[in-house]
Structures are given as C-alpha cells and as structure tokens.
C-alpha atoms as a PDB file:
ATOM      1  CA  MET A   1     100.794  20.383  43.856  1.00  0.00           C
ATOM      2  CA  VAL A   2      98.722  21.618  46.792  1.00  0.00           C
ATOM      3  CA  GLU A   3      94.916  21.410  47.049  1.00  0.00           C
ATOM      4  CA  HIS A   4      92.664  22.722  49.821  1.00  0.00           C
ATOM      5  CA  TYR A   5      89.267  21.346  50.825  1.00  0.00           C
ATOM      6  CA  SER A   6      86.571  22.470  53.266  1.00  0.00           C
ATOM      7  CA  LYS A   7      83.654  20.358  51.970  1.00  0.00           C
ATOM      8  CA  LYS A   8      83.159  16.601  51.532  1.00  0.00           C
ATOM      9  CA  ILE A   9      86.445  16.006  53.311  1.00  0.00           C
ATOM     10  CA  GLN A  10      85.601  12.381  54.056  1.00  0.00           C
ATOM     11  CA  ASN A  11      85.196  11.710  50.325  1.00  0.00           C
ATOM     12  CA  VAL A  12      88.535  13.348  49.530  1.00  0.00           C
ATOM     13  CA  ILE A  13      90.359  11.215  52.110  1.00  0.00           C
ATOM     14  CA  GLN A  14      88.634   8.008  50.985  1.00  0.00           C
ATOM     15  CA  THR A  15      89.601   8.672  47.377  1.00  0.00           C
ATOM     16  CA  GLU A  16      93.268   9.134  48.267  1.00  0.00           C
ATOM     17  CA  LEU A  17      93.300   6.040  50.509  1.00  0.00           C
ATOM     18  CA  PHE A  18      91.986   3.833  47.714  1.00  0.00           C
ATOM     19  CA  LYS A  19      94.778   5.079  45.437  1.00  0.00           C
ATOM     20  CA  ALA A  20      97.504   3.942  47.872  1.00  0.00           C
ATOM     21  CA  LYS A  21      99.941   1.425  46.357  1.00  0.00           C
ATOM     22  CA  SER A  22     102.607   0.788  48.993  1.00  0.00           C
ATOM     23  CA  SER A  23     102.015   2.502  52.356  1.00  0.00           C
ATOM     24  CA  ILE A  24      99.612   4.546  54.480  1.00  0.00           C
ATOM     25  CA  LYS A  25     100.857   6.275  57.636  1.00  0.00           C
ATOM     26  CA  ILE A  26      98.261   7.970  59.847  1.00  0.00           C
ATOM     27  CA  VAL A  27      98.645  10.146  62.923  1.00  0.00           C
ATOM     28  CA  VAL A  28      95.342  11.450  64.245  1.00  0.00           C
ATOM     29  CA  ALA A  29      94.154  12.498  67.676  1.00  0.00           C
ATOM     30  CA  TRP A  30      90.724  10.846  67.406  1.00  0.00           C
ATOM     31  CA  PHE A  31      89.393   8.194  65.039  1.00  0.00           C
ATOM     32  CA  THR A  32      85.732   7.030  65.081  1.00  0.00           C
ATOM     33  CA  ASN A  33      84.725   7.129  61.401  1.00  0.00           C
ATOM     34  CA  ASP A  34      84.321   3.548  60.184  1.00  0.00           C
ATOM     35  CA  LEU A  35      84.004   4.664  56.546  1.00  0.00           C
ATOM     36  CA  LEU A  36      87.601   5.850  56.788  1.00  0.00           C
ATOM     37  CA  PHE A  37      88.737   2.796  58.764  1.00  0.00           C
ATOM     38  CA  GLN A  38      87.425   0.010  56.493  1.00  0.00           C
ATOM     39  CA  PRO A  39      89.482   1.134  53.448  1.00  0.00           C
ATOM     40  CA  LEU A  40      92.578   0.741  55.646  1.00  0.00           C
ATOM     41  CA  VAL A  41      91.713  -2.876  56.423  1.00  0.00           C
ATOM     42  CA  LEU A  42      91.089  -3.601  52.749  1.00  0.00           C
ATOM     43  CA  LYS A  43      94.314  -1.928  51.683  1.00  0.00           C
ATOM     44  CA  GLN A  44      96.316  -3.871  54.285  1.00  0.00           C
ATOM     45  CA  GLN A  45      94.783  -7.089  52.966  1.00  0.00           C
ATOM     46  CA  ALA A  46      95.802  -6.047  49.454  1.00  0.00           C
ATOM     47  CA  GLY A  47      99.445  -5.658  50.491  1.00  0.00           C
ATOM     48  CA  VAL A  48      99.630  -1.964  51.383  1.00  0.00           C
ATOM     49  CA  LYS A  49     101.457  -1.375  54.689  1.00  0.00           C
ATOM     50  CA  VAL A  50      99.152   0.541  57.056  1.00  0.00           C
ATOM     51  CA  GLU A  51     100.315   2.198  60.294  1.00  0.00           C
ATOM     52  CA  ILE A  52      98.213   4.256  62.720  1.00  0.00           C
ATOM     53  CA  ILE A  53      99.166   6.307  65.779  1.00  0.00           C
ATOM     54  CA  LEU A  54      96.321   7.356  68.128  1.00  0.00           C
ATOM     55  CA  ASN A  55      95.653   8.719  71.576  1.00  0.00           C
ATOM     56  CA  ARG A  56      94.496   5.975  73.915  1.00  0.00           C
ATOM     57  CA  ASP A  57      91.597   7.680  75.663  1.00  0.00           C
ATOM     58  CA  GLU A  58      87.859   7.442  76.299  1.00  0.00           C
ATOM     59  CA  ILE A  59      87.090   8.433  72.689  1.00  0.00           C
ATOM     60  CA  ASN A  60      89.306   6.065  70.705  1.00  0.00           C
ATOM     61  CA  ASP A  61      89.389   3.118  73.111  1.00  0.00           C
ATOM     62  CA  SER A  62      85.850   2.786  74.411  1.00  0.00           C
ATOM     63  CA  GLU A  63      82.786   0.663  73.828  1.00  0.00           C
ATOM     64  CA  GLU A  64      81.046   3.708  72.311  1.00  0.00           C
ATOM     65  CA  ASN A  65      83.521   3.759  69.430  1.00  0.00           C
ATOM     66  CA  GLY A  66      82.227   1.244  66.907  1.00  0.00           C
ATOM     67  CA  ILE A  67      85.682   0.714  65.406  1.00  0.00           C
ATOM     68  CA  ASP A  68      87.556  -2.399  66.503  1.00  0.00           C
ATOM     69  CA  PHE A  69      91.209  -1.601  65.764  1.00  0.00           C
ATOM     70  CA  ASN A  70      91.982  -5.318  66.227  1.00  0.00           C
ATOM     71  CA  GLU A  71      90.501  -5.722  62.758  1.00  0.00           C
ATOM     72  CA  LEU A  72      93.501  -3.915  61.290  1.00  0.00           C
ATOM     73  CA  VAL A  73      96.063  -5.493  63.624  1.00  0.00           C
ATOM     74  CA  ASN A  74      94.783  -8.995  62.833  1.00  0.00           C
ATOM     75  CA  VAL A  75      95.450  -8.551  59.093  1.00  0.00           C
ATOM     76  CA  GLY A  76      98.988  -7.240  59.660  1.00  0.00           C
ATOM     77  CA  GLY A  77      98.489  -3.520  60.211  1.00  0.00           C
ATOM     78  CA  ILE A  78     100.463  -1.619  62.848  1.00  0.00           C
ATOM     79  CA  LEU A  79      98.741   0.288  65.666  1.00  0.00           C
ATOM     80  CA  ARG A  80     100.546   2.517  68.149  1.00  0.00           C
ATOM     81  CA  TRP A  81      98.832   4.024  71.208  1.00  0.00           C
ATOM     82  CA  ASN A  82      99.846   7.240  72.885  1.00  0.00           C
ATOM     83  CA  GLU A  83      99.312   6.183  76.501  1.00  0.00           C
ATOM     84  CA  THR A  84     101.150   9.138  78.043  1.00  0.00           C
ATOM     85  CA  LYS A  85      99.518  12.102  79.760  1.00  0.00           C
ATOM     86  CA  GLN A  86     100.742  14.346  76.966  1.00  0.00           C
ATOM     87  CA  LEU A  87      97.964  14.851  74.401  1.00  0.00           C
ATOM     88  CA  MET A  88      98.930  14.111  70.818  1.00  0.00           C
ATOM     89  CA  HIS A  89      96.998  16.592  68.688  1.00  0.00           C
ATOM     90  CA  ASP A  90      98.521  15.927  65.245  1.00  0.00           C
ATOM     91  CA  LYS A  91      96.232  15.130  62.323  1.00  0.00           C
ATOM     92  CA  PHE A  92      97.977  13.976  59.164  1.00  0.00           C
ATOM     93  CA  CYS A  93      98.221  11.057  56.747  1.00  0.00           C
ATOM     94  CA  ILE A  94     101.120  10.123  54.442  1.00  0.00           C
ATOM     95  CA  ILE A  95     100.328   7.978  51.397  1.00  0.00           C
ATOM     96  CA  ASP A  96     103.088   6.213  49.421  1.00  0.00           C
ATOM     97  CA  ASP A  97     105.595   8.684  50.937  1.00  0.00           C
ATOM     98  CA  SER A  98     104.522  11.154  48.253  1.00  0.00           C
ATOM     99  CA  ILE A  99     101.130  12.531  49.337  1.00  0.00           C
ATOM    100  CA  VAL A 100     100.364  14.243  52.646  1.00  0.00           C
ATOM    101  CA  ILE A 101      96.886  15.080  53.942  1.00  0.00           C
ATOM    102  CA  TYR A 102      96.867  17.462  56.901  1.00  0.00           C
ATOM    103  CA  GLY A 103      94.647  20.068  58.567  1.00  0.00           C
ATOM    104  CA  SER A 104      92.092  20.493  61.352  1.00  0.00           C
ATOM    105  CA  TYR A 105      90.027  17.425  60.456  1.00  0.00           C
ATOM    106  CA  ASN A 106      89.938  14.545  62.967  1.00  0.00           C
ATOM    107  CA  TRP A 107      88.833  11.227  61.482  1.00  0.00           C
ATOM    108  CA  THR A 108      85.576  11.181  63.456  1.00  0.00           C
ATOM    109  CA  ASN A 109      81.894  11.022  62.613  1.00  0.00           C
ATOM    110  CA  LYS A 110      81.283  14.488  64.051  1.00  0.00           C
ATOM    111  CA  ALA A 111      84.117  16.125  62.127  1.00  0.00           C
ATOM    112  CA  GLU A 112      82.289  15.649  58.825  1.00  0.00           C
ATOM    113  CA  TYR A 113      79.655  18.145  60.003  1.00  0.00           C
ATOM    114  CA  ASN A 114      82.021  20.662  61.624  1.00  0.00           C
ATOM    115  CA  GLU A 115      83.722  23.645  60.046  1.00  0.00           C
ATOM    116  CA  GLU A 116      86.941  21.850  59.083  1.00  0.00           C
ATOM    117  CA  SER A 117      89.564  22.027  56.359  1.00  0.00           C
ATOM    118  CA  ILE A 118      92.393  19.897  54.982  1.00  0.00           C
ATOM    119  CA  THR A 119      95.275  20.354  52.585  1.00  0.00           C
ATOM    120  CA  VAL A 120      96.385  17.626  50.172  1.00  0.00           C
ATOM    121  CA  SER A 121     100.039  18.063  49.239  1.00  0.00           C
ATOM    122  CA  LYS A 122     101.364  15.933  46.377  1.00  0.00           C
ATOM    123  CA  ASN A 123     105.062  15.529  45.548  1.00  0.00           C
ATOM    124  CA  GLU A 124     106.065  18.551  47.639  1.00  0.00           C
ATOM    125  CA  SER A 125     109.469  17.400  48.882  1.00  0.00           C
ATOM    126  CA  GLU A 126     109.784  19.742  51.880  1.00  0.00           C
ATOM    127  CA  THR A 127     106.300  18.909  53.153  1.00  0.00           C
ATOM    128  CA  ILE A 128     106.857  15.176  52.696  1.00  0.00           C
ATOM    129  CA  ARG A 129     110.203  15.306  54.482  1.00  0.00           C
ATOM    130  CA  PHE A 130     108.741  17.251  57.418  1.00  0.00           C
ATOM    131  CA  TYR A 131     105.860  14.825  58.015  1.00  0.00           C
ATOM    132  CA  LEU A 132     107.949  11.693  57.449  1.00  0.00           C
ATOM    133  CA  GLU A 133     110.372  12.896  60.136  1.00  0.00           C
ATOM    134  CA  LYS A 134     107.444  13.697  62.416  1.00  0.00           C
ATOM    135  CA  PHE A 135     105.970  10.236  61.889  1.00  0.00           C
ATOM    136  CA  SER A 136     109.331   8.574  62.508  1.00  0.00           C
ATOM    137  CA  LYS A 137     109.763  10.377  65.848  1.00  0.00           C
ATOM    138  CA  LEU A 138     106.263   9.440  66.992  1.00  0.00           C
ATOM    139  CA  SER A 139     106.794   5.810  65.910  1.00  0.00           C
ATOM    140  CA  GLU A 140     109.916   5.619  68.085  1.00  0.00           C
ATOM    141  CA  LYS A 141     108.069   7.211  70.993  1.00  0.00           C
ATOM    142  CA  TYR A 142     105.006   4.934  70.945  1.00  0.00           C
ATOM    143  CA  PRO A 143     105.625   1.158  70.578  1.00  0.00           C
ATOM    144  CA  ALA A 144     103.471  -1.005  68.333  1.00  0.00           C
ATOM    145  CA  ILE A 145     100.992  -3.284  70.054  1.00  0.00           C
ATOM    146  CA  GLN A 146     100.013  -6.859  69.272  1.00  0.00           C
ATOM    147  CA  SER A 147      96.339  -6.647  70.181  1.00  0.00           C
ATOM    148  CA  THR A 148      93.667  -4.220  71.300  1.00  0.00           C
ATOM    149  CA  ARG A 149      90.310  -4.453  73.006  1.00  0.00           C
ATOM    150  CA  GLN A 150      87.649  -6.695  71.504  1.00  0.00           C
ATOM    151  CA  ILE A 151      84.367  -4.980  70.816  1.00  0.00           C
ATOM    152  CA  VAL A 152      81.378  -7.296  70.980  1.00  0.00           C
ATOM    153  CA  SER A 153      79.072  -5.990  68.307  1.00  0.00           C
ATOM    154  CA  SER A 154      75.469  -6.900  67.673  1.00  0.00           C
ATOM    155  CA  PRO A 155      75.055  -9.674  65.128  1.00  0.00           C
ATOM    156  CA  ILE A 156      74.291  -8.566  61.596  1.00  0.00           C
ATOM    157  CA  ILE A 157      70.960  -9.991  60.532  1.00  0.00           C
ATOM    158  CA  GLN A 158      70.793 -10.940  56.879  1.00  0.00           C
ATOM    159  CA  THR A 159      67.347  -9.954  55.683  1.00  0.00           C
ATOM    160  CA  GLU A 160      65.669 -11.159  52.545  1.00  0.00           C
ATOM    161  CA  PRO A 161      66.054  -8.869  49.533  1.00  0.00           C
ATOM    162  CA  ILE A 162      63.252  -6.311  49.361  1.00  0.00           C
ATOM    163  CA  ILE A 163      63.125  -6.494  45.578  1.00  0.00           C
ATOM    164  CA  GLN A 164      62.207  -9.937  44.331  1.00  0.00           C
ATOM    165  CA  LYS A 165      62.215 -11.194  40.784  1.00  0.00           C
ATOM    166  CA  LYS A 166      58.803 -10.233  39.503  1.00  0.00           C
ATOM    167  CA  GLU A 167      56.854  -8.591  36.746  1.00  0.00           C
ATOM    168  CA  MET A 168      56.398  -4.862  37.032  1.00  0.00           C
ATOM    169  CA  SER A 169      53.311  -3.108  35.796  1.00  0.00           C
ATOM    170  CA  ILE A 170      53.283   0.358  34.303  1.00  0.00           C
ATOM    171  CA  PRO A 171      51.845   3.011  36.693  1.00  0.00           C
ATOM    172  CA  ILE A 172      48.125   3.369  35.956  1.00  0.00           C
ATOM    173  CA  ASP A 173      48.323   7.136  35.591  1.00  0.00           C
ATOM    174  CA  ILE A 174      50.663   6.799  32.591  1.00  0.00           C
ATOM    175  CA  ASN A 175      47.828   6.071  30.213  1.00  0.00           C
ATOM    176  CA  GLU A 176      49.010   7.274  26.835  1.00  0.00           C
ATOM    177  CA  LEU A 177      51.245   4.341  25.953  1.00  0.00           C
ATOM    178  CA  SER A 178      50.631   2.114  22.960  1.00  0.00           C
ATOM    179  CA  LYS A 179      48.716  -1.137  23.389  1.00  0.00           C
ATOM    180  CA  GLU A 180      51.871  -3.112  22.764  1.00  0.00           C
ATOM    181  CA  ARG A 181      53.681  -1.224  25.508  1.00  0.00           C
ATOM    182  CA  LYS A 182      50.821  -1.722  27.964  1.00  0.00           C
ATOM    183  CA  LYS A 183      50.971  -5.482  27.418  1.00  0.00           C
ATOM    184  CA  ARG A 184      54.705  -5.610  27.867  1.00  0.00           C
ATOM    185  CA  SER A 185      56.003  -6.647  31.291  1.00  0.00           C
ATOM    186  CA  TYR A 186      59.139  -5.331  32.923  1.00  0.00           C
ATOM    187  CA  ILE A 187      61.239  -7.806  34.808  1.00  0.00           C
ATOM    188  CA  LEU A 188      63.736  -6.591  37.366  1.00  0.00           C
ATOM    189  CA  ARG A 189      66.618  -8.986  37.563  1.00  0.00           C
ATOM    190  CA  GLN A 190      67.391 -10.234  41.047  1.00  0.00           C
ATOM    191  CA  CYS A 191      71.109 -10.683  41.493  1.00  0.00           C
ATOM    192  CA  SER A 192      72.259 -13.804  43.211  1.00  0.00           C
ATOM    193  CA  PRO A 193      74.505 -13.214  46.239  1.00  0.00           C
ATOM    194  CA  MET A 194      78.100 -12.908  45.118  1.00  0.00           C
ATOM    195  CA  ASN A 195      80.594 -15.478  46.257  1.00  0.00           C
ATOM    196  CA  LEU A 196      83.907 -13.665  46.552  1.00  0.00           C
ATOM    197  CA  GLY A 197      85.652 -16.834  47.685  1.00  0.00           C
ATOM    198  CA  SER A 198      89.128 -16.113  48.984  1.00  0.00           C
ATOM    199  CA  TYR A 199      89.218 -12.657  47.394  1.00  0.00           C
ATOM    200  CA  ASN A 200      88.652  -9.569  49.478  1.00  0.00           C
ATOM    201  CA  ALA A 201      86.219  -6.861  48.410  1.00  0.00           C
ATOM    202  CA  LEU A 202      88.956  -4.546  47.177  1.00  0.00           C
ATOM    203  CA  ALA A 203      90.278  -7.180  44.784  1.00  0.00           C
ATOM    204  CA  PHE A 204      86.769  -7.818  43.499  1.00  0.00           C
ATOM    205  CA  TYR A 205      85.792  -4.278  42.565  1.00  0.00           C
ATOM    206  CA  GLU A 206      87.371  -2.540  39.598  1.00  0.00           C
ATOM    207  CA  LYS A 207      86.221   0.800  40.976  1.00  0.00           C
ATOM    208  CA  ILE A 208      84.409   2.139  44.033  1.00  0.00           C
ATOM    209  CA  ASP A 209      82.480   5.424  43.851  1.00  0.00           C
ATOM    210  CA  ILE A 210      81.384   7.372  46.907  1.00  0.00           C
ATOM    211  CA  VAL A 211      78.110   9.140  46.102  1.00  0.00           C
ATOM    212  CA  ARG A 212      76.456  11.673  48.386  1.00  0.00           C
ATOM    213  CA  VAL A 213      72.769  10.706  48.668  1.00  0.00           C
ATOM    214  CA  GLY A 214      70.749  12.907  51.004  1.00  0.00           C
ATOM    215  CA  ILE A 215      72.769  13.328  54.194  1.00  0.00           C
ATOM    216  CA  SER A 216      74.803  10.137  53.861  1.00  0.00           C
ATOM    217  CA  ASP A 217      77.322   8.556  51.521  1.00  0.00           C
ATOM    218  CA  VAL A 218      76.478   5.511  49.399  1.00  0.00           C
ATOM    219  CA  LEU A 219      79.209   3.179  48.159  1.00  0.00           C
ATOM    220  CA  ILE A 220      78.841   1.914  44.588  1.00  0.00           C
ATOM    221  CA  GLY A 221      81.206  -0.743  43.274  1.00  0.00           C
ATOM    222  CA  ARG A 222      81.811  -1.676  39.640  1.00  0.00           C
ATOM    223  CA  ALA A 223      82.775  -5.154  38.486  1.00  0.00           C
ATOM    224  CA  LYS A 224      82.692  -6.666  34.995  1.00  0.00           C
ATOM    225  CA  GLY A 225      80.608  -3.842  33.543  1.00  0.00           C
ATOM    226  CA  SER A 226      77.940  -3.792  36.250  1.00  0.00           C
ATOM    227  CA  TYR A 227      77.395  -1.666  39.354  1.00  0.00           C
ATOM    228  CA  TYR A 228      76.362  -2.805  42.832  1.00  0.00           C
ATOM    229  CA  PHE A 229      75.468  -1.025  46.045  1.00  0.00           C
ATOM    230  CA  ILE A 230      78.043  -1.964  48.688  1.00  0.00           C
ATOM    231  CA  CYS A 231      77.211  -2.789  52.294  1.00  0.00           C
ATOM    232  CA  PRO A 232      79.612  -0.579  54.340  1.00  0.00           C
ATOM    233  CA  LEU A 233      79.688  -3.066  57.226  1.00  0.00           C
ATOM    234  CA  LYS A 234      80.883  -5.989  55.107  1.00  0.00           C
ATOM    235  CA  TRP A 235      82.220  -4.200  52.017  1.00  0.00           C
ATOM    236  CA  SER A 236      80.388  -6.779  49.937  1.00  0.00           C
ATOM    237  CA  PRO A 237      77.602  -6.118  47.408  1.00  0.00           C
ATOM    238  CA  TYR A 238      73.944  -6.128  48.375  1.00  0.00           C
ATOM    239  CA  ASN A 239      72.191  -8.887  46.476  1.00  0.00           C
ATOM    240  CA  ASP A 240      68.966  -7.089  45.612  1.00  0.00           C
ATOM    241  CA  VAL A 241      69.805  -5.103  42.492  1.00  0.00           C
ATOM    242  CA  GLU A 242      72.450  -4.851  39.781  1.00  0.00           C
ATOM    243  CA  PHE A 243      72.613  -1.925  37.338  1.00  0.00           C
ATOM    244  CA  THR A 244      74.659  -0.626  34.430  1.00  0.00           C
ATOM    245  CA  ASP A 245      74.598   3.149  35.065  1.00  0.00           C
ATOM    246  CA  TYR A 246      73.448   5.717  37.592  1.00  0.00           C
ATOM    247  CA  LYS A 247      72.702   9.440  37.801  1.00  0.00           C
ATOM    248  CA  ARG A 248      72.109  11.875  40.604  1.00  0.00           C
ATOM    249  CA  ASP A 249      71.547  15.635  40.769  1.00  0.00           C
ATOM    250  CA  ASP A 250      73.054  17.668  43.619  1.00  0.00           C
ATOM    251  CA  ASN A 251      69.605  19.229  44.077  1.00  0.00           C
ATOM    252  CA  MET A 252      68.078  15.852  44.905  1.00  0.00           C
ATOM    253  CA  GLY A 253      67.860  16.110  48.680  1.00  0.00           C
ATOM    254  CA  LYS A 254      66.086  12.817  49.333  1.00  0.00           C
ATOM    255  CA  ASP A 255      67.894   9.468  49.560  1.00  0.00           C
ATOM    256  CA  THR A 256      67.109   8.617  45.935  1.00  0.00           C
ATOM    257  CA  ILE A 257      69.301   7.847  42.955  1.00  0.00           C
ATOM    258  CA  TRP A 258      68.455   6.980  39.343  1.00  0.00           C
ATOM    259  CA  ILE A 259      69.798   3.591  38.251  1.00  0.00           C
ATOM    260  CA  LYS A 260      69.642   1.831  34.887  1.00  0.00           C
ATOM    261  CA  VAL A 261      68.371  -1.759  34.927  1.00  0.00           C
ATOM    262  CA  PHE A 262      68.024  -3.692  31.669  1.00  0.00           C
ATOM    263  CA  MET A 263      68.276  -0.470  29.616  1.00  0.00           C
ATOM    264  CA  LYS A 264      65.500   1.188  31.634  1.00  0.00           C
ATOM    265  CA  TRP A 265      65.854   3.902  34.253  1.00  0.00           C
ATOM    266  CA  GLY A 266      64.221   3.713  37.694  1.00  0.00           C
ATOM    267  CA  LEU A 267      64.354   5.867  40.836  1.00  0.00           C
ATOM    268  CA  PHE A 268      65.829   3.828  43.710  1.00  0.00           C
ATOM    269  CA  VAL A 269      65.512   4.695  47.429  1.00  0.00           C
ATOM    270  CA  THR A 270      68.760   3.689  49.132  1.00  0.00           C
ATOM    271  CA  SER A 271      67.476   3.845  52.726  1.00  0.00           C
ATOM    272  CA  VAL A 272      64.678   1.285  52.251  1.00  0.00           C
ATOM    273  CA  ARG A 273      66.251  -0.445  49.231  1.00  0.00           C
ATOM    274  CA  LYS A 274      63.296  -0.341  46.863  1.00  0.00           C
ATOM    275  CA  PHE A 275      62.135   1.634  43.851  1.00  0.00           C
ATOM    276  CA  ALA A 276      60.136   4.837  44.247  1.00  0.00           C
ATOM    277  CA  PHE A 277      59.573   4.720  40.471  1.00  0.00           C
ATOM    278  CA  GLU A 278      60.055   1.419  38.707  1.00  0.00           C
ATOM    279  CA  PRO A 279      62.668   1.072  35.918  1.00  0.00           C
ATOM    280  CA  ILE A 280      60.510   1.754  32.843  1.00  0.00           C
ATOM    281  CA  CYS A 281      61.985   5.032  31.551  1.00  0.00           C
ATOM    282  CA  ASP A 282      63.866   5.072  28.245  1.00  0.00           C
ATOM    283  CA  GLU A 283      65.497   8.442  28.960  1.00  0.00           C
ATOM    284  CA  ILE A 284      65.830  10.803  31.921  1.00  0.00           C
ATOM    285  CA  ILE A 285      67.000  14.421  32.205  1.00  0.00           C
ATOM    286  CA  LEU A 286      67.783  15.732  35.701  1.00  0.00           C
ATOM    287  CA  CYS A 287      66.781  19.328  36.342  1.00  0.00           C
ATOM    288  CA  ASN A 288      66.764  21.193  39.693  1.00  0.00           C
ATOM    289  CA  GLY A 289      65.951  18.072  41.688  1.00  0.00           C
ATOM    290  CA  ASN A 290      63.103  17.015  39.387  1.00  0.00           C
ATOM    291  CA  THR A 291      63.371  14.599  36.459  1.00  0.00           C
ATOM    292  CA  VAL A 292      62.051  14.906  32.918  1.00  0.00           C
ATOM    293  CA  PHE A 293      61.520  11.353  31.655  1.00  0.00           C
ATOM    294  CA  ARG A 294      60.592   9.642  28.387  1.00  0.00           C
ATOM    295  CA  ILE A 295      58.782   6.371  27.767  1.00  0.00           C
ATOM    296  CA  ILE A 296      58.778   5.451  24.067  1.00  0.00           C
ATOM    297  CA  ASN A 297      58.019   8.865  22.489  1.00  0.00           C
ATOM    298  CA  LYS A 298      56.074  10.516  25.311  1.00  0.00           C
ATOM    299  CA  TRP A 299      57.446  12.761  28.064  1.00  0.00           C
ATOM    300  CA  GLY A 300      56.514  13.431  31.691  1.00  0.00           C
ATOM    301  CA  LEU A 301      57.896  15.003  34.864  1.00  0.00           C
ATOM    302  CA  LEU A 302      58.706  13.503  38.287  1.00  0.00           C
ATOM    303  CA  ASP A 303      59.844  15.017  41.574  1.00  0.00           C
ATOM    304  CA  ASN A 304      62.726  13.478  43.531  1.00  0.00           C
ATOM    305  CA  TYR A 305      60.278  11.337  45.536  1.00  0.00           C
ATOM    306  CA  GLY A 306      59.163   9.565  42.346  1.00  0.00           C
ATOM    307  CA  ARG A 307      55.773  11.322  42.269  1.00  0.00           C
ATOM    308  CA  LEU A 308      54.288  12.414  38.947  1.00  0.00           C
ATOM    309  CA  LEU A 309      54.140  16.157  38.382  1.00  0.00           C
ATOM    310  CA  LEU A 310      53.224  15.775  34.702  1.00  0.00           C
ATOM    311  CA  GLU A 311      51.793  12.593  33.240  1.00  0.00           C
ATOM    312  CA  CYS A 312      53.736  10.827  30.516  1.00  0.00           C
ATOM    313  CA  LYS A 313      51.632  12.036  27.593  1.00  0.00           C
ATOM    314  CA  TYR A 314      53.420  15.078  26.189  1.00  0.00           C
ATOM    315  CA  ASP A 315      55.396  15.426  22.970  1.00  0.00           C
ATOM    316  CA  GLY A 316      58.101  17.329  24.829  1.00  0.00           C
ATOM    317  CA  VAL A 317      58.978  18.692  28.290  1.00  0.00           C
ATOM    318  CA  LEU A 318      61.837  21.200  28.590  1.00  0.00           C
ATOM    319  CA  CYS A 319      63.226  22.819  31.741  1.00  0.00           C
ATOM    320  CA  ILE A 320      63.425  26.597  31.196  1.00  0.00           C
ATOM    321  CA  GLY A 321      64.135  27.813  34.743  1.00  0.00           C
ATOM    322  CA  ASN A 322      63.632  27.117  38.439  1.00  0.00           C
ATOM    323  CA  ASP A 323      60.608  24.811  38.551  1.00  0.00           C
ATOM    324  CA  GLU A 324      59.392  26.081  35.175  1.00  0.00           C
ATOM    325  CA  TYR A 325      58.943  23.765  32.197  1.00  0.00           C
ATOM    326  CA  ARG A 326      57.813  24.293  28.610  1.00  0.00           C
ATOM    327  CA  ILE A 327      55.481  21.511  27.491  1.00  0.00           C
ATOM    328  CA  ASN A 328      54.483  20.601  23.953  1.00  0.00           C
ATOM    329  CA  LEU A 329      51.346  18.675  23.000  1.00  0.00           C
ATOM    330  CA  ASN A 330      49.850  18.230  19.533  1.00  0.00           C
ATOM    331  CA  GLY A 331      51.815  21.149  18.093  1.00  0.00           C
ATOM    332  CA  LYS A 332      50.894  23.554  20.893  1.00  0.00           C
ATOM    333  CA  SER A 333      53.115  24.857  23.692  1.00  0.00           C
ATOM    334  CA  GLY A 334      52.500  25.868  27.269  1.00  0.00           C
ATOM    335  CA  VAL A 335      54.397  26.510  30.482  1.00  0.00           C
ATOM    336  CA  TYR A 336      54.130  24.413  33.636  1.00  0.00           C
ATOM    337  CA  LYS A 337      55.302  25.976  36.901  1.00  0.00           C
ATOM    338  CA  LYS A 338      55.626  23.826  39.994  1.00  0.00           C
ATOM    339  CA  ALA A 339      53.615  25.314  42.861  1.00  0.00           C
END
C-alpha cells in the first residue's frame, strides 16, 4: 500500500513512529524538529531499536539546534554522523523493516511550513529492499559514535497551575437559568501532579493524539479513561486539568479546544492554559468555528474566543449556513446572521 501526503506531514510521521514495535532507521540530511525527536527517545526506552544517520554540519550540530542527540545515545540509540565533505541528501525512515517514509521533507521546524511531500509505503517488498540496502551501505560508511555535544539548555521553571480548585460562577449574562441552577456551583477538579515512578511517558499513556490547535500541535495523552495535555519538553502531563473528552473544529483558528470536565463542556485556551468559557455546558455543537451550546434546556451561541454571540435563553439554535442560525423562542422563529 502506498499513500502520499503534502499536508500535516509532521503528524503523519509522528503517528507512524508511535506504531513502531521493533526498529526505526532514519536517514535525513537535517534534523531540528524536537517533536519528531522525542518519540524516538521514548521508543528507544520502550525497547525499540532506533538508529539515525545525519550530516554533521552547522545545522544539525550547533548550539542553535535545540535537539541534544546525546539524549538518544544515552538511552541506547545509535547515531552516525556524516563527517565527510560529500553532502548526504537522503531523507527516509524505515519502521519495523516493513514501512518506508520518503520524500522531500527534512525533519526540521521550517519544513513543516514549506511546500513538501512524503510517500508512506507499507509492505511493498521492492521499496523496502531498496531502502534497507541503502541504509546498510550508509551504516557501513559512517561509524556509530559514543557521545555527541552537550547542549546547555535553560532550566525549565515549574510554574504553579493557572487553574486552581475553586468554585465557578455562571456568567452573569446567562440570566435565564432556573433558580436551582443559579445556586449550583461548578467545581473544576485540580489534578495532582502524576508520579510516573520508574515508568517512562510512553508506557504510561494508552494513547497519544496530536491535535492541530491554531498554528501549533497539542499533544493529548489518554490514561485510565481520562485525557491530559502533555508537556512536549518533558512528555509528562500538565497538572492543571484532567478531562474525559474533547472536540475541535477545523474552522477554529484560535488556540482553543473544547474539553469535557465532570460531564460539562468548557472552552480551554492551550497557550495560556485557562478557560475562555468555563465548563458549564451540557451539550455543544461545533459549526463553522462557532459553537452552539446548551445549558439545561436553553441554547446560546459562542464564537471561538468564548464570547457570547447569542445569550443562553433560546429554545433552539440551529446552524443553517455560513454564520447564519435559525433561533426559536416561545414558539416563534427567527434568523441570526453574524455581522
């Protein structure tokens, strides 16, 4: 089977890397994307044999490159440098000797925003044989090293969680709720920091999703029925929020994502790690970047910044087109069009 990709290439590669069971062999001219490097470290720790062949130049082996390849070598991975004057321009990855990823895409931060393409070839014997022979020749040509440069990175400062355990009040402009609902408080559960002990992050998570939020990717891990946002630097969960489901519309351009906390939906801002709209919604329907939401038996409309477009007082709100909504109130219907 052969598949071709020209969009979200980083996500495609990450997905295939996490599926690896026995080996990952990489030959790439330039490698600066840490979101592609960290899965390799985790896989090596989990028993998958990881080998990389790179050019040793001012791009790969410099202080500007935030990747410390020692991190892989120190957990048993194999790194080979091309230190000759002959440029190695290959770009391919072999997974479990059965999947080959190849194309124009270098594993760099810039490549994700270039016009690039890759091909993923699965169980194609001729393709696998060709690239395995290519990898073998390059492995014989470039010897494995025992250590690489040490990058001195800035210390990571652990800040206090932005969201503390507290009572949440209903927004004052949602004024059509019952008296019982107005008196009810909403408590957002603060998750205690997770102690993974001797287990690495890969062993802890049952599943890791890569979700495009705005212009960046957000890592979401699932463990024991709950979801957690993952810190890409440590590959451990943030300790500010735990949730049971999430939703996102491709039309939502801002760094927001709907998450479900204690059976209630709230709009979470990933960049500042706080809620734009607190988790008080019983139901949400995503539509063209906006959100139709229900609290008890009343409906309203929010934009993707969490701002109210229609107060939560209608008997029904239905998306009927681009920024057009049919609203029902007391048996009468009307149309709302976003300006």
